[in-house]
Amino acid sequence: MAAYTESRWGIPQCVGAIDGSHIPIIAPQEYHCEYFNRKGWHSIILQGVVDGKGLFWNVFAGLPGSIHDARVLRLSQLWELASRGNFFPAAIRNIGGVN
């Protein structure tokens, strides 16, 4: 993935682009406050990752809208995969003066 992204887009050592979105819902009666997001309405969160071709290779959804983006990432299976070091090339490269 990283090789394609670098050759196509010129972004070295990038395995994908990640973003999140709030999906509007009718809040459940129980715990409805947890679904109230920072934008002022009830939602669940969808987190997605696309590769250099724009194809989704990871999607995580369903957490209440009040949860911070960083916590969503930490709770997702993506965090576990990244923690194992499966995504990142073994070779160290200097990019902008930083290894």
Protein backbone atom coordinates (compact mmCIF):
# COMPACT_ATOMS: atom_id res chain seq x y z
CA MET A 1 0.00 0.00 0.00
CA ALA A 2 2.72 2.46 0.94
CA ALA A 3 4.62 1.89 -2.32
CA TYR A 4 1.54 2.60 -4.44
CA THR A 5 0.64 5.74 -2.49
CA GLU A 6 4.17 7.07 -2.87
CA SER A 7 4.37 6.34 -6.60
CA ARG A 8 0.89 7.71 -7.36
CA TRP A 9 0.63 10.64 -4.95
CA GLY A 10 4.20 11.32 -3.86
CA ILE A 11 3.43 10.74 -0.19
CA PRO A 12 6.12 8.47 1.28
CA GLN A 13 5.35 5.79 3.87
CA CYS A 14 1.60 6.44 3.81
CA VAL A 15 -0.68 3.39 3.98
CA GLY A 16 -3.97 5.27 3.92
CA ALA A 17 -6.04 8.28 4.82
CA ILE A 18 -8.31 8.16 7.87
CA ASP A 19 -11.33 10.24 8.77
CA GLY A 20 -14.48 10.03 10.81
CA SER A 21 -18.05 11.10 10.32
CA HIS A 22 -21.12 11.45 12.51
CA ILE A 23 -24.11 9.48 11.27
CA PRO A 24 -27.43 10.97 12.48
CA ILE A 25 -29.62 8.66 14.56
CA ILE A 26 -32.74 8.73 16.66
CA ALA A 27 -31.19 8.36 20.09
CA PRO A 28 -32.14 5.37 22.21
CA GLN A 29 -34.17 6.15 25.34
CA GLU A 30 -31.47 4.73 27.54
CA TYR A 31 -28.09 6.53 27.50
CA HIS A 32 -29.34 9.12 24.99
CA CYS A 33 -26.88 11.71 26.37
CA GLU A 34 -23.93 9.59 25.22
CA TYR A 35 -25.11 9.90 21.62
CA PHE A 36 -25.28 13.72 21.73
CA ASN A 37 -22.25 14.92 19.74
CA ARG A 38 -20.24 18.15 19.85
CA LYS A 39 -22.20 19.44 16.86
CA GLY A 40 -25.40 19.45 18.88
CA TRP A 41 -27.29 16.38 17.64
CA HIS A 42 -27.45 12.62 18.23
CA SER A 43 -25.19 10.35 16.23
CA ILE A 44 -23.02 7.30 15.99
CA ILE A 45 -19.46 7.58 14.70
CA LEU A 46 -18.11 6.01 11.54
CA GLN A 47 -14.31 5.85 11.08
CA GLY A 48 -12.92 4.83 7.71
CA VAL A 49 -9.54 4.33 6.07
CA VAL A 50 -8.94 4.42 2.32
CA ASP A 51 -5.83 3.39 0.42
CA GLY A 52 -4.03 5.34 -2.31
CA LYS A 53 -6.65 4.20 -4.83
CA GLY A 54 -9.50 5.53 -2.69
CA LEU A 55 -10.74 2.06 -1.72
CA PHE A 56 -11.89 1.44 1.84
CA TRP A 57 -9.81 -1.18 3.62
CA ASN A 58 -10.98 -0.51 7.17
CA VAL A 59 -14.32 0.69 8.56
CA PHE A 60 -15.32 0.94 12.21
CA ALA A 61 -18.74 2.24 13.25
CA GLY A 62 -21.30 2.31 16.03
CA LEU A 63 -19.77 4.18 18.96
CA PRO A 64 -21.86 6.97 20.50
CA GLY A 65 -21.38 10.45 19.03
CA SER A 66 -20.02 11.95 22.25
CA ILE A 67 -16.80 9.94 22.04
CA HIS A 68 -13.66 11.87 20.97
CA ASP A 69 -12.02 10.95 17.66
CA ALA A 70 -8.80 9.86 19.37
CA ARG A 71 -10.74 7.47 21.61
CA VAL A 72 -12.60 6.04 18.62
CA LEU A 73 -9.26 5.27 16.97
CA ARG A 74 -7.93 3.72 20.18
CA LEU A 75 -11.00 1.48 20.49
CA SER A 76 -10.92 0.37 16.85
CA GLN A 77 -9.28 -2.74 15.45
CA LEU A 78 -7.13 -0.39 13.37
CA TRP A 79 -5.23 0.61 16.52
CA GLU A 80 -4.46 -3.03 17.28
CA LEU A 81 -3.25 -3.66 13.72
CA ALA A 82 -1.02 -0.58 13.79
CA SER A 83 0.34 -1.49 17.23
CA ARG A 84 1.60 -4.78 15.83
CA GLY A 85 3.62 -2.82 13.26
CA ASN A 86 1.96 -4.48 10.27
CA PHE A 87 1.44 -1.27 8.30
CA PHE A 88 4.76 0.44 8.34
CA PRO A 89 7.81 -0.34 6.22
CA ALA A 90 10.83 -1.60 8.15
CA ALA A 91 13.18 0.78 6.34
CA ILE A 92 13.64 4.18 7.96
CA ARG A 93 13.51 7.16 5.59
CA ASN A 94 14.40 10.77 6.11
CA ILE A 95 11.40 12.95 5.25
CA GLY A 96 11.85 16.68 5.66
CA GLY A 97 14.85 16.21 7.93
CA VAL A 98 13.06 13.79 10.27
CA ASN A 99 13.64 10.03 10.48
